[in-house]
Protein backbone atom coordinates (compact mmCIF):
# COMPACT_ATOMS: atom_id res chain seq x y z
CA MET A 1 -9.43 76.45 92.43
CA ASP A 2 -5.76 77.26 92.49
CA ASN A 3 -4.37 74.07 90.85
CA GLY A 4 -0.88 75.31 91.64
CA ALA A 5 -1.42 78.89 90.40
CA ALA A 6 0.48 81.59 92.25
CA TRP A 7 -1.62 84.06 94.22
CA SER A 8 -2.50 86.75 91.74
CA VAL A 9 -5.18 88.05 89.37
CA TYR A 10 -5.47 86.30 86.01
CA THR A 11 -7.60 87.26 83.01
CA VAL A 12 -8.79 84.62 80.56
CA ILE A 13 -10.20 85.62 77.16
CA VAL A 14 -12.86 83.36 75.63
CA GLN A 15 -14.10 83.88 72.07
CA PHE A 16 -17.36 82.55 70.67
CA ILE A 17 -20.10 83.32 68.18
CA VAL A 18 -23.61 84.29 69.26
CA ASP A 19 -26.02 83.27 66.51
CA LYS A 20 -29.32 84.95 65.57
CA GLU A 21 -31.19 82.85 68.14
CA GLY A 22 -28.77 83.68 70.99
CA ASN A 23 -26.98 80.32 70.98
CA MET A 24 -23.21 80.17 71.47
CA ILE A 25 -21.15 78.28 68.94
CA ASP A 26 -17.43 77.79 68.36
CA VAL A 27 -16.41 78.55 71.97
CA LYS A 28 -12.62 78.64 72.39
CA ARG A 29 -9.95 80.14 74.61
CA LEU A 30 -7.65 82.85 73.34
CA SER A 31 -5.40 83.17 76.40
CA ILE A 32 -3.05 80.68 78.04
CA ASN A 33 -2.68 81.06 81.82
CA GLY A 34 -2.78 77.35 82.57
CA HIS A 35 -3.84 75.75 85.86
CA GLY A 36 -7.27 74.84 84.40
CA MET A 37 -8.44 78.46 84.16
CA GLU A 38 -9.20 78.38 80.43
CA GLN A 39 -11.10 75.10 80.72
CA GLU A 40 -13.18 76.51 83.59
CA ALA A 41 -13.91 79.74 81.68
CA VAL A 42 -15.03 77.79 78.59
CA ARG A 43 -17.22 75.54 80.80
CA VAL A 44 -18.88 78.56 82.44
CA ILE A 45 -19.53 80.29 79.10
CA LYS A 46 -20.98 77.12 77.55
CA ASN A 47 -23.34 76.72 80.52
CA SER A 48 -24.42 80.37 80.70
CA GLY A 49 -27.58 79.95 78.62
CA LYS A 50 -28.73 82.08 75.72
CA TRP A 51 -27.21 85.49 74.98
CA LYS A 52 -28.82 88.45 73.24
CA PRO A 53 -27.84 88.43 69.56
CA ALA A 54 -26.23 91.47 67.96
CA ILE A 55 -28.46 93.93 66.13
CA GLN A 56 -27.52 95.40 62.76
CA ASN A 57 -29.90 97.60 60.77
CA GLY A 58 -32.71 96.57 63.11
CA ARG A 59 -32.19 92.83 62.51
CA GLU A 60 -30.66 90.16 64.73
CA VAL A 61 -27.36 88.92 63.29
CA LYS A 62 -24.63 86.42 64.12
CA ALA A 63 -21.57 88.05 65.73
CA TYR A 64 -18.26 87.17 67.37
CA ARG A 65 -17.84 87.96 71.05
CA ARG A 66 -14.65 88.12 73.12
CA GLN A 67 -15.41 87.78 76.81
CA PRO A 68 -12.78 88.43 79.48
CA ILE A 69 -13.11 86.45 82.70
CA THR A 70 -11.00 87.36 85.72
CA PHE A 71 -9.80 84.86 88.30
CA GLN A 72 -8.44 86.11 91.60
CA ILE A 73 -6.35 83.46 93.35
CA GLN A 74 -5.82 84.09 97.06
CA GLU A 75 -4.46 82.24 100.03
CA GLY A 76 -7.14 79.90 101.11
């Protein structure tokens, strides 16, 4: 998956909310590298299944999460 990207290492930041049940909502990209990287990162996060919700004062709570995803583009 290079889509014209120069050989390098790229980091994409995806932000989303994990609700009390571990579902992801409001998934969006925060970085702009182009070449389809952000779309692929959002797709992977959306298909990753349930996450563990945050715990505050012993109770599960809704919380924002920022997840970095690194792409390493090499000669292929």
